[in-house]
């Protein structure tokens, strides 16, 4: 199997419309037409260090080559298409970085549930408390609730005390988003991680 030659930014581009290794690799990941893949006869040229205007595709490619940059079609539906002279690898990198930042800002909030009975013993309580600390440190929200089965609803005050104690024990790791609230057979408290 033939190996592709390594990318060399200083290397001359192949003449007469042949694809260089850099171009074929870029075209695979490209949403934009670049260099020899632009099919228009003339283009409106923009970019740094170029005189904006309408050029034949050959002139536009020549300008890009002289600047050792790529000719990138940024608005193919315009009449004539708009092309920009830029470093395409750098452009793709910046696009990727922007997409990553947007994704990071819109990260999903994970909610972990912890269930108690109204008469949870200390060992079980401490075990669940340790888990809750871990969840909050990972950045997840914690939804803790006391589940009342049958007649155990009579112990709802006990459940509330348990949840308030739980919130108090977690005050260094998270803040209370919702105080204990009875919903059907469950009394729920919500905690979100403290910002570092």
N, C-alpha and C. Protein backbone atom coordinates (compact mmCIF):
# COMPACT_ATOMS: atom_id res chain seq x y z
N UNK A 1 0.84 -1.19 0.00
CA UNK A 1 0.00 0.00 0.00
C UNK A 1 0.88 1.24 0.00
N UNK A 2 0.60 2.19 -0.90
CA UNK A 2 1.39 3.41 -1.00
C UNK A 2 1.11 4.32 0.17
N UNK A 3 2.16 4.89 0.72
CA UNK A 3 1.99 5.87 1.80
C UNK A 3 1.94 7.25 1.19
N UNK A 4 1.08 8.11 1.75
CA UNK A 4 1.02 9.50 1.29
C UNK A 4 2.24 10.25 1.78
N UNK A 5 2.79 11.12 0.95
CA UNK A 5 3.92 11.92 1.45
C UNK A 5 3.46 12.83 2.57
N UNK A 6 4.32 13.14 3.54
CA UNK A 6 3.90 14.01 4.64
C UNK A 6 3.56 15.41 4.14
N UNK A 7 2.68 16.07 4.86
CA UNK A 7 2.25 17.42 4.48
C UNK A 7 3.41 18.39 4.64
N UNK A 8 3.68 19.14 3.56
CA UNK A 8 4.76 20.12 3.59
C UNK A 8 4.19 21.46 3.14
N UNK A 9 3.96 22.40 4.10
CA UNK A 9 3.30 23.65 3.74
C UNK A 9 4.07 24.47 2.73
N UNK A 10 5.41 24.30 2.66
CA UNK A 10 6.21 25.10 1.74
C UNK A 10 6.28 24.49 0.34
N UNK A 11 5.77 23.26 0.18
CA UNK A 11 5.89 22.58 -1.11
C UNK A 11 5.05 23.28 -2.17
N UNK A 12 5.52 23.22 -3.40
CA UNK A 12 4.77 23.83 -4.53
C UNK A 12 3.53 22.99 -4.78
N UNK A 13 2.46 23.67 -5.17
CA UNK A 13 1.25 22.95 -5.54
C UNK A 13 1.40 22.38 -6.93
N UNK A 14 0.86 21.20 -7.18
CA UNK A 14 0.96 20.66 -8.52
C UNK A 14 0.24 21.58 -9.50
N UNK A 15 0.82 21.74 -10.65
CA UNK A 15 0.22 22.61 -11.66
C UNK A 15 -0.87 21.87 -12.39
N UNK A 16 -1.39 22.47 -13.43
CA UNK A 16 -2.43 21.97 -14.35
C UNK A 16 -3.60 21.24 -13.68
N UNK A 17 -4.04 21.78 -12.55
CA UNK A 17 -5.29 21.31 -11.95
C UNK A 17 -5.21 19.96 -11.26
N UNK A 18 -4.00 19.36 -11.12
CA UNK A 18 -3.90 18.09 -10.42
C UNK A 18 -4.08 18.34 -8.92
N UNK A 19 -4.53 17.30 -8.26
CA UNK A 19 -4.71 17.44 -6.82
C UNK A 19 -3.43 17.11 -6.09
N UNK A 20 -3.04 17.98 -5.17
CA UNK A 20 -1.91 17.68 -4.31
C UNK A 20 -2.41 16.90 -3.11
N UNK A 21 -1.51 16.28 -2.34
CA UNK A 21 -1.95 15.51 -1.17
C UNK A 21 -2.69 16.37 -0.18
N UNK A 22 -2.27 17.64 -0.03
CA UNK A 22 -2.92 18.55 0.92
C UNK A 22 -4.36 18.80 0.50
N UNK A 23 -4.56 19.01 -0.81
CA UNK A 23 -5.89 19.34 -1.30
C UNK A 23 -6.85 18.17 -1.15
N UNK A 24 -6.39 16.94 -1.47
CA UNK A 24 -7.30 15.80 -1.40
C UNK A 24 -7.71 15.54 0.04
N UNK A 25 -6.76 15.71 0.97
CA UNK A 25 -7.07 15.49 2.38
C UNK A 25 -8.08 16.52 2.85
N UNK A 26 -7.87 17.76 2.44
CA UNK A 26 -8.77 18.83 2.85
C UNK A 26 -10.16 18.63 2.26
N UNK A 27 -10.21 18.20 1.00
CA UNK A 27 -11.50 18.08 0.33
C UNK A 27 -12.38 17.07 1.05
N UNK A 28 -11.77 16.01 1.60
CA UNK A 28 -12.55 14.99 2.30
C UNK A 28 -13.27 15.58 3.50
N UNK A 29 -12.58 16.49 4.22
CA UNK A 29 -13.20 17.02 5.43
C UNK A 29 -13.85 18.39 5.17
N UNK A 30 -13.84 18.81 3.92
CA UNK A 30 -14.29 20.17 3.62
C UNK A 30 -15.79 20.25 3.40
N UNK A 31 -16.35 21.37 3.83
CA UNK A 31 -17.72 21.70 3.45
C UNK A 31 -17.63 22.72 2.31
N UNK A 32 -16.48 23.38 2.19
CA UNK A 32 -16.28 24.41 1.17
C UNK A 32 -15.45 23.83 0.03
N UNK A 33 -15.71 24.33 -1.18
CA UNK A 33 -14.82 23.99 -2.30
C UNK A 33 -13.55 24.82 -2.14
N UNK A 34 -12.41 24.20 -2.43
CA UNK A 34 -11.15 24.94 -2.31
C UNK A 34 -10.29 24.73 -3.55
N UNK A 35 -9.44 25.70 -3.81
CA UNK A 35 -8.44 25.65 -4.88
C UNK A 35 -9.01 25.12 -6.19
N UNK A 36 -8.48 23.98 -6.68
CA UNK A 36 -8.88 23.46 -8.00
C UNK A 36 -10.31 22.93 -8.04
N UNK A 37 -10.96 22.81 -6.88
CA UNK A 37 -12.32 22.27 -6.84
C UNK A 37 -13.38 23.34 -7.07
N UNK A 38 -12.96 24.59 -7.17
CA UNK A 38 -13.91 25.67 -7.43
C UNK A 38 -14.19 25.67 -8.93
N UNK A 39 -15.45 25.54 -9.31
CA UNK A 39 -15.83 25.36 -10.71
C UNK A 39 -16.24 26.64 -11.43
N UNK A 40 -16.42 27.73 -10.71
CA UNK A 40 -16.88 28.98 -11.35
C UNK A 40 -15.80 29.54 -12.27
N UNK A 41 -16.24 30.29 -13.31
CA UNK A 41 -15.27 30.92 -14.23
C UNK A 41 -14.66 32.16 -13.62
N UNK A 42 -15.50 32.89 -12.87
CA UNK A 42 -14.98 34.07 -12.18
C UNK A 42 -15.56 34.12 -10.77
N UNK A 43 -14.81 34.79 -9.89
CA UNK A 43 -15.19 34.83 -8.48
C UNK A 43 -14.99 36.23 -7.92
N UNK A 44 -15.74 36.53 -6.86
CA UNK A 44 -15.52 37.77 -6.13
C UNK A 44 -14.53 37.44 -5.03
N UNK A 45 -13.38 38.09 -5.06
CA UNK A 45 -12.29 37.75 -4.16
C UNK A 45 -12.26 38.68 -2.95
N UNK A 46 -12.12 38.08 -1.75
CA UNK A 46 -11.96 38.84 -0.51
C UNK A 46 -10.85 38.19 0.31
N UNK A 47 -10.39 38.88 1.33
CA UNK A 47 -9.37 38.30 2.21
C UNK A 47 -8.33 39.34 2.58
N UNK A 48 -7.46 38.97 3.50
CA UNK A 48 -6.38 39.87 3.91
C UNK A 48 -5.32 39.93 2.80
N UNK A 49 -4.73 41.09 2.64
CA UNK A 49 -3.64 41.30 1.67
C UNK A 49 -4.04 41.05 0.22
N UNK A 50 -5.36 41.15 -0.10
CA UNK A 50 -5.79 41.05 -1.50
C UNK A 50 -6.67 42.25 -1.81
N UNK A 51 -6.67 42.64 -3.07
CA UNK A 51 -7.54 43.73 -3.49
C UNK A 51 -8.89 43.12 -3.82
N UNK A 52 -9.94 43.45 -3.04
CA UNK A 52 -11.26 42.86 -3.31
C UNK A 52 -11.73 43.22 -4.72
N UNK A 53 -12.42 42.28 -5.33
CA UNK A 53 -12.95 42.53 -6.67
C UNK A 53 -13.31 41.23 -7.35
N UNK A 54 -13.73 41.34 -8.63
CA UNK A 54 -14.10 40.17 -9.40
C UNK A 54 -12.90 39.78 -10.27
N UNK A 55 -12.50 38.51 -10.15
CA UNK A 55 -11.33 38.00 -10.88
C UNK A 55 -11.73 36.72 -11.60
N UNK A 56 -10.97 36.41 -12.66
CA UNK A 56 -11.17 35.09 -13.28
C UNK A 56 -10.63 34.07 -12.28
N UNK A 57 -11.13 32.84 -12.39
CA UNK A 57 -10.71 31.81 -11.42
C UNK A 57 -9.19 31.59 -11.49
N UNK A 58 -8.61 31.72 -12.68
CA UNK A 58 -7.15 31.52 -12.83
C UNK A 58 -6.38 32.61 -12.09
N UNK A 59 -6.84 33.86 -12.22
CA UNK A 59 -6.17 34.97 -11.51
C UNK A 59 -6.29 34.79 -10.00
N UNK A 60 -7.50 34.40 -9.56
CA UNK A 60 -7.74 34.22 -8.12
C UNK A 60 -6.84 33.13 -7.55
N UNK A 61 -6.71 32.01 -8.28
CA UNK A 61 -5.84 30.91 -7.82
C UNK A 61 -4.39 31.36 -7.76
N UNK A 62 -4.00 32.16 -8.77
CA UNK A 62 -2.62 32.64 -8.84
C UNK A 62 -2.31 33.54 -7.63
N UNK A 63 -3.25 34.42 -7.28
CA UNK A 63 -3.08 35.31 -6.12
C UNK A 63 -2.91 34.48 -4.84
N UNK A 64 -3.78 33.47 -4.68
CA UNK A 64 -3.71 32.60 -3.50
C UNK A 64 -2.37 31.87 -3.45
N UNK A 65 -1.91 31.36 -4.59
CA UNK A 65 -0.63 30.64 -4.64
C UNK A 65 0.54 31.55 -4.29
N UNK A 66 0.49 32.79 -4.81
CA UNK A 66 1.58 33.73 -4.52
C UNK A 66 1.67 34.04 -3.02
N UNK A 67 0.51 34.06 -2.36
CA UNK A 67 0.49 34.31 -0.92
C UNK A 67 0.69 33.03 -0.11
N UNK A 68 0.88 31.90 -0.82
CA UNK A 68 1.01 30.57 -0.20
C UNK A 68 -0.17 30.26 0.71
N UNK A 69 -1.36 30.61 0.20
CA UNK A 69 -2.60 30.34 0.93
C UNK A 69 -3.56 29.59 0.03
N UNK A 70 -4.74 29.30 0.55
CA UNK A 70 -5.76 28.58 -0.21
C UNK A 70 -6.85 29.53 -0.68
N UNK A 71 -7.47 29.17 -1.80
CA UNK A 71 -8.63 29.89 -2.30
C UNK A 71 -9.85 29.08 -1.84
N UNK A 72 -10.69 29.69 -1.00
CA UNK A 72 -11.81 28.96 -0.41
C UNK A 72 -13.13 29.62 -0.81
N UNK A 73 -14.04 28.79 -1.35
CA UNK A 73 -15.36 29.29 -1.76
C UNK A 73 -16.21 29.40 -0.50
N UNK A 74 -16.53 30.65 -0.08
CA UNK A 74 -17.28 30.81 1.17
C UNK A 74 -18.76 31.09 0.93
N UNK A 75 -19.09 31.52 -0.29
CA UNK A 75 -20.50 31.76 -0.61
C UNK A 75 -20.75 31.30 -2.05
N UNK A 76 -20.95 29.97 -2.23
CA UNK A 76 -21.06 29.42 -3.57
C UNK A 76 -22.31 29.85 -4.33
N UNK A 77 -23.36 30.29 -3.61
CA UNK A 77 -24.62 30.63 -4.29
C UNK A 77 -24.66 32.09 -4.76
N UNK A 78 -23.68 32.89 -4.32
CA UNK A 78 -23.65 34.29 -4.76
C UNK A 78 -23.31 34.35 -6.25
N UNK A 79 -23.59 35.48 -6.85
CA UNK A 79 -23.33 35.66 -8.28
C UNK A 79 -22.36 36.81 -8.50
N UNK A 80 -21.10 36.65 -8.81
CA UNK A 80 -20.36 35.38 -8.86
C UNK A 80 -20.06 34.87 -7.45
N UNK A 81 -19.66 33.59 -7.31
CA UNK A 81 -19.37 33.04 -5.98
C UNK A 81 -18.28 33.86 -5.27
N UNK A 82 -18.42 33.95 -3.94
CA UNK A 82 -17.44 34.70 -3.16
C UNK A 82 -16.37 33.72 -2.67
N UNK A 83 -15.11 34.08 -2.91
CA UNK A 83 -13.99 33.26 -2.46
C UNK A 83 -13.08 34.09 -1.57
N UNK A 84 -12.50 33.42 -0.60
CA UNK A 84 -11.61 34.12 0.33
C UNK A 84 -10.24 33.45 0.28
N UNK A 85 -9.22 34.28 0.37
CA UNK A 85 -7.84 33.76 0.41
C UNK A 85 -7.45 33.61 1.87
N UNK A 86 -7.20 32.37 2.29
CA UNK A 86 -6.84 32.12 3.69
C UNK A 86 -6.11 30.80 3.83
N UNK A 87 -5.58 30.56 5.03
CA UNK A 87 -4.94 29.28 5.34
C UNK A 87 -6.06 28.32 5.75
N UNK A 88 -6.36 27.37 4.87
CA UNK A 88 -7.54 26.53 5.09
C UNK A 88 -7.41 25.62 6.30
N UNK A 89 -6.20 25.09 6.56
CA UNK A 89 -6.01 24.24 7.74
C UNK A 89 -6.30 25.02 9.02
N UNK A 90 -5.82 26.26 9.04
CA UNK A 90 -6.04 27.12 10.21
C UNK A 90 -7.54 27.42 10.35
N UNK A 91 -8.18 27.67 9.22
CA UNK A 91 -9.62 27.96 9.19
C UNK A 91 -10.42 26.77 9.75
N UNK A 92 -10.07 25.55 9.29
CA UNK A 92 -10.76 24.35 9.79
C UNK A 92 -10.54 24.17 11.28
N UNK A 93 -9.30 24.43 11.72
CA UNK A 93 -8.97 24.31 13.14
C UNK A 93 -9.82 25.28 13.97
N UNK A 94 -9.94 26.53 13.48
CA UNK A 94 -10.74 27.53 14.20
C UNK A 94 -12.22 27.15 14.24
N UNK A 95 -12.71 26.59 13.12
CA UNK A 95 -14.12 26.15 13.07
C UNK A 95 -14.36 25.04 14.10
N UNK A 96 -13.40 24.10 14.15
CA UNK A 96 -13.50 22.98 15.09
C UNK A 96 -13.50 23.50 16.53
N UNK A 97 -12.60 24.46 16.78
CA UNK A 97 -12.46 25.04 18.12
C UNK A 97 -13.76 25.75 18.53
N UNK A 98 -14.34 26.50 17.59
CA UNK A 98 -15.61 27.20 17.87
C UNK A 98 -16.70 26.21 18.20
N UNK A 99 -16.79 25.13 17.39
CA UNK A 99 -17.83 24.12 17.61
C UNK A 99 -17.65 23.47 18.98
N UNK A 100 -16.38 23.24 19.37
CA UNK A 100 -16.08 22.63 20.67
C UNK A 100 -16.53 23.55 21.81
N UNK A 101 -16.25 24.86 21.65
CA UNK A 101 -16.64 25.83 22.68
C UNK A 101 -18.15 25.88 22.83
N UNK A 102 -18.85 25.87 21.71
CA UNK A 102 -20.32 25.90 21.75
C UNK A 102 -20.83 24.65 22.45
N UNK A 103 -20.24 23.50 22.12
CA UNK A 103 -20.65 22.24 22.74
C UNK A 103 -20.39 22.27 24.24
N UNK A 104 -19.23 22.80 24.63
CA UNK A 104 -18.87 22.88 26.05
C UNK A 104 -19.86 23.75 26.82
N UNK A 105 -20.29 24.84 26.18
CA UNK A 105 -21.23 25.74 26.85
C UNK A 105 -22.61 25.11 27.00
N UNK A 106 -22.94 24.23 26.05
CA UNK A 106 -24.27 23.63 26.10
C UNK A 106 -24.21 22.19 26.62
N UNK A 107 -23.28 21.94 27.54
CA UNK A 107 -23.16 20.58 28.08
C UNK A 107 -24.43 20.19 28.80
N UNK A 108 -24.74 18.91 28.68
CA UNK A 108 -25.95 18.40 29.32
C UNK A 108 -25.75 18.37 30.82
N UNK A 109 -26.80 18.74 31.54
CA UNK A 109 -26.75 18.66 33.00
C UNK A 109 -27.15 17.25 33.39
N UNK A 110 -26.27 16.59 34.12
CA UNK A 110 -26.55 15.22 34.57
C UNK A 110 -27.17 15.31 35.95
N UNK A 111 -28.28 14.57 36.14
CA UNK A 111 -28.93 14.54 37.45
C UNK A 111 -28.84 13.11 37.99
N UNK A 112 -28.20 12.97 39.14
CA UNK A 112 -28.08 11.66 39.79
C UNK A 112 -29.10 11.58 40.92
N UNK A 113 -29.75 10.43 41.02
CA UNK A 113 -30.77 10.27 42.07
C UNK A 113 -30.23 9.43 43.21
N UNK A 114 -30.60 9.83 44.43
CA UNK A 114 -30.25 9.07 45.63
C UNK A 114 -31.53 8.87 46.42
N UNK A 115 -31.80 7.62 46.72
CA UNK A 115 -33.08 7.29 47.38
C UNK A 115 -32.84 6.87 48.83
N UNK A 116 -33.68 7.40 49.69
CA UNK A 116 -33.65 7.03 51.11
C UNK A 116 -35.01 6.47 51.51
N UNK A 117 -35.00 5.68 52.59
CA UNK A 117 -36.25 5.30 53.25
C UNK A 117 -36.41 6.26 54.43
N UNK A 118 -37.62 6.40 54.98
CA UNK A 118 -37.80 7.35 56.09
C UNK A 118 -36.97 7.00 57.32
N UNK A 119 -36.60 5.71 57.47
CA UNK A 119 -35.79 5.33 58.63
C UNK A 119 -34.45 4.73 58.21
N UNK A 120 -33.73 5.49 57.39
CA UNK A 120 -32.41 5.04 56.89
C UNK A 120 -31.41 5.06 58.05
N UNK A 121 -30.66 3.96 58.20
CA UNK A 121 -29.69 3.92 59.30
C UNK A 121 -28.43 4.72 58.94
N UNK A 122 -27.57 4.98 59.94
CA UNK A 122 -26.38 5.82 59.75
C UNK A 122 -25.42 5.26 58.72
N UNK A 123 -25.22 3.94 58.73
CA UNK A 123 -24.28 3.33 57.79
C UNK A 123 -24.72 3.58 56.35
N UNK A 124 -26.00 3.33 56.07
CA UNK A 124 -26.57 3.52 54.74
C UNK A 124 -26.53 5.01 54.36
N UNK A 125 -26.84 5.86 55.33
CA UNK A 125 -26.84 7.31 55.10
C UNK A 125 -25.44 7.78 54.69
N UNK A 126 -24.42 7.36 55.44
CA UNK A 126 -23.03 7.77 55.15
C UNK A 126 -22.55 7.26 53.79
N UNK A 127 -22.98 6.06 53.44
CA UNK A 127 -22.63 5.46 52.14
C UNK A 127 -23.21 6.33 51.01
N UNK A 128 -24.47 6.72 51.17
CA UNK A 128 -25.13 7.54 50.14
C UNK A 128 -24.58 8.96 50.11
N UNK A 129 -24.19 9.46 51.27
CA UNK A 129 -23.60 10.80 51.36
C UNK A 129 -22.28 10.85 50.57
N UNK A 130 -21.49 9.77 50.71
CA UNK A 130 -20.21 9.68 50.00
C UNK A 130 -20.43 9.70 48.48
N UNK A 131 -21.44 8.97 48.03
CA UNK A 131 -21.79 8.96 46.60
C UNK A 131 -22.20 10.34 46.14
N UNK A 132 -23.01 11.02 46.93
CA UNK A 132 -23.50 12.36 46.58
C UNK A 132 -22.33 13.33 46.44
N UNK A 133 -21.36 13.25 47.34
CA UNK A 133 -20.17 14.12 47.28
C UNK A 133 -19.45 13.88 45.95
N UNK A 134 -19.30 12.61 45.59
CA UNK A 134 -18.64 12.26 44.32
C UNK A 134 -19.38 12.84 43.13
N UNK A 135 -20.72 12.70 43.13
CA UNK A 135 -21.53 13.22 42.01
C UNK A 135 -21.38 14.74 41.88
N UNK A 136 -21.45 15.44 43.03
CA UNK A 136 -21.34 16.90 43.00
C UNK A 136 -19.96 17.35 42.54
N UNK A 137 -18.93 16.62 42.95
CA UNK A 137 -17.57 16.96 42.53
C UNK A 137 -17.37 16.74 41.03
N UNK A 138 -18.11 15.81 40.45
CA UNK A 138 -18.05 15.56 39.00
C UNK A 138 -18.86 16.59 38.22
N UNK A 139 -19.63 17.42 38.93
CA UNK A 139 -20.41 18.45 38.26
C UNK A 139 -21.86 18.06 38.00
N UNK A 140 -22.30 16.94 38.56
CA UNK A 140 -23.69 16.50 38.37
C UNK A 140 -24.58 17.09 39.47
N UNK A 141 -25.85 17.24 39.15
CA UNK A 141 -26.82 17.65 40.17
C UNK A 141 -27.25 16.40 40.93
N UNK A 142 -27.68 16.59 42.16
CA UNK A 142 -28.15 15.46 42.96
C UNK A 142 -29.61 15.69 43.35
N UNK A 143 -30.42 14.68 43.01
CA UNK A 143 -31.84 14.71 43.39
C UNK A 143 -31.98 13.61 44.44
N UNK A 144 -32.11 14.03 45.70
CA UNK A 144 -32.26 13.05 46.79
C UNK A 144 -33.72 13.02 47.20
N UNK A 145 -34.20 11.84 47.47
CA UNK A 145 -35.59 11.76 47.90
C UNK A 145 -35.81 10.63 48.91
N UNK A 146 -36.82 10.86 49.73
CA UNK A 146 -37.26 9.85 50.69
C UNK A 146 -38.54 9.26 50.12
N UNK A 147 -38.54 7.93 49.98
CA UNK A 147 -39.72 7.26 49.42
C UNK A 147 -40.54 6.68 50.56
N UNK A 148 -41.81 7.05 50.60
CA UNK A 148 -42.70 6.59 51.68
C UNK A 148 -43.58 5.47 51.14
N UNK A 149 -43.41 4.27 51.73
CA UNK A 149 -44.23 3.12 51.32
C UNK A 149 -45.41 2.99 52.27
N UNK A 150 -46.58 2.80 51.73
CA UNK A 150 -47.78 2.56 52.54
C UNK A 150 -47.95 3.55 53.67
N UNK A 151 -47.97 3.03 54.92
CA UNK A 151 -48.24 3.87 56.09
C UNK A 151 -47.03 4.70 56.52
N UNK A 152 -45.87 4.47 55.91
CA UNK A 152 -44.67 5.21 56.32
C UNK A 152 -44.80 6.71 56.01
N UNK A 153 -45.88 7.09 55.27
CA UNK A 153 -46.11 8.52 54.98
C UNK A 153 -46.32 9.28 56.30
N UNK A 154 -46.66 8.54 57.37
CA UNK A 154 -46.84 9.15 58.69
C UNK A 154 -45.50 9.73 59.19
N UNK A 155 -44.40 9.26 58.64
CA UNK A 155 -43.07 9.72 59.08
C UNK A 155 -42.52 10.83 58.18
N UNK A 156 -43.41 11.60 57.54
CA UNK A 156 -42.90 12.59 56.58
C UNK A 156 -42.02 13.64 57.23
N UNK A 157 -42.30 13.99 58.52
CA UNK A 157 -41.42 14.95 59.21
C UNK A 157 -40.02 14.37 59.35
N UNK A 158 -39.96 13.06 59.62
CA UNK A 158 -38.68 12.37 59.76
C UNK A 158 -37.91 12.42 58.43
N UNK A 159 -38.64 12.26 57.34
CA UNK A 159 -38.05 12.33 56.00
C UNK A 159 -37.50 13.71 55.71
N UNK A 160 -38.24 14.73 56.12
CA UNK A 160 -37.81 16.12 55.89
C UNK A 160 -36.53 16.40 56.68
N UNK A 161 -36.49 15.94 57.93
CA UNK A 161 -35.31 16.14 58.79
C UNK A 161 -34.10 15.46 58.15
N UNK A 162 -34.31 14.24 57.62
CA UNK A 162 -33.24 13.48 56.99
C UNK A 162 -32.69 14.26 55.77
N UNK A 163 -33.56 14.79 54.94
CA UNK A 163 -33.13 15.52 53.74
C UNK A 163 -32.41 16.83 54.10
N UNK A 164 -32.88 17.51 55.14
CA UNK A 164 -32.23 18.75 55.57
C UNK A 164 -30.84 18.46 56.14
N UNK A 165 -30.74 17.34 56.86
CA UNK A 165 -29.42 16.93 57.39
C UNK A 165 -28.48 16.61 56.21
N UNK A 166 -29.03 15.95 55.19
CA UNK A 166 -28.27 15.58 54.00
C UNK A 166 -27.74 16.85 53.30
N UNK A 167 -28.61 17.84 53.13
CA UNK A 167 -28.22 19.11 52.49
C UNK A 167 -27.15 19.82 53.31
N UNK A 168 -27.32 19.79 54.62
CA UNK A 168 -26.36 20.43 55.54
C UNK A 168 -24.98 19.76 55.45
N UNK A 169 -24.98 18.42 55.37
CA UNK A 169 -23.71 17.69 55.28
C UNK A 169 -23.01 17.91 53.93
N UNK A 170 -23.76 18.37 52.94
CA UNK A 170 -23.19 18.59 51.61
C UNK A 170 -22.93 20.06 51.31
N UNK A 171 -23.05 20.93 52.32
CA UNK A 171 -22.97 22.37 52.04
C UNK A 171 -21.63 22.82 51.46
N UNK A 172 -20.55 22.07 51.70
CA UNK A 172 -19.25 22.42 51.12
C UNK A 172 -19.13 22.02 49.66
N UNK A 173 -20.03 21.15 49.20
CA UNK A 173 -19.93 20.61 47.84
C UNK A 173 -21.05 21.10 46.91
N UNK A 174 -22.20 21.40 47.50
CA UNK A 174 -23.32 21.80 46.66
C UNK A 174 -24.26 22.74 47.38
N UNK A 175 -25.09 23.41 46.58
CA UNK A 175 -26.08 24.31 47.19
C UNK A 175 -27.48 23.79 46.90
N UNK A 176 -28.39 24.07 47.83
CA UNK A 176 -29.76 23.60 47.70
C UNK A 176 -30.47 24.42 46.62
N UNK A 177 -31.02 23.69 45.66
CA UNK A 177 -31.75 24.34 44.56
C UNK A 177 -33.24 24.32 44.86
N UNK A 178 -33.65 23.28 45.56
CA UNK A 178 -35.07 23.14 45.92
C UNK A 178 -35.15 22.50 47.30
N UNK A 179 -35.85 23.16 48.21
CA UNK A 179 -36.02 22.63 49.57
C UNK A 179 -36.91 21.39 49.52
N UNK A 180 -36.89 20.57 50.60
CA UNK A 180 -37.70 19.35 50.59
C UNK A 180 -39.15 19.62 50.23
N UNK A 181 -39.65 18.87 49.27
CA UNK A 181 -40.99 19.08 48.74
C UNK A 181 -41.64 17.72 48.56
N UNK A 182 -42.86 17.57 49.06
CA UNK A 182 -43.56 16.29 48.96
C UNK A 182 -44.29 16.21 47.63
N UNK A 183 -43.94 15.19 46.83
CA UNK A 183 -44.62 14.94 45.55
C UNK A 183 -45.12 13.51 45.58
N UNK A 184 -46.40 13.35 45.83
CA UNK A 184 -46.97 12.01 45.93
C UNK A 184 -46.38 11.27 47.11
N UNK A 185 -45.71 10.14 46.83
CA UNK A 185 -45.10 9.34 47.90
C UNK A 185 -43.63 9.65 48.09
N UNK A 186 -43.15 10.71 47.42
CA UNK A 186 -41.72 11.05 47.53
C UNK A 186 -41.54 12.47 48.03
N UNK A 187 -40.56 12.63 48.93
CA UNK A 187 -40.17 13.97 49.34
C UNK A 187 -38.79 14.22 48.73
N UNK A 188 -38.71 15.28 47.92
CA UNK A 188 -37.53 15.51 47.09
C UNK A 188 -36.78 16.77 47.48
N UNK A 189 -35.45 16.69 47.40
CA UNK A 189 -34.60 17.87 47.56
C UNK A 189 -33.62 17.86 46.38
N UNK A 190 -33.33 19.04 45.82
CA UNK A 190 -32.40 19.13 44.68
C UNK A 190 -31.17 19.91 45.10
N UNK A 191 -30.00 19.40 44.75
CA UNK A 191 -28.74 20.10 45.03
C UNK A 191 -27.93 20.23 43.74
N UNK A 192 -27.32 21.39 43.56
CA UNK A 192 -26.45 21.56 42.40
C UNK A 192 -25.03 21.83 42.87
N UNK A 193 -24.04 21.43 42.05
CA UNK A 193 -22.65 21.58 42.49
C UNK A 193 -22.26 23.05 42.65
N UNK A 194 -21.39 23.30 43.60
CA UNK A 194 -20.89 24.67 43.80
C UNK A 194 -19.87 24.96 42.70
N UNK A 195 -19.93 26.17 42.19
CA UNK A 195 -18.95 26.58 41.16
C UNK A 195 -17.59 26.69 41.81
N UNK A 196 -16.56 26.18 41.09
CA UNK A 196 -15.21 26.23 41.64
C UNK A 196 -14.60 27.59 41.40
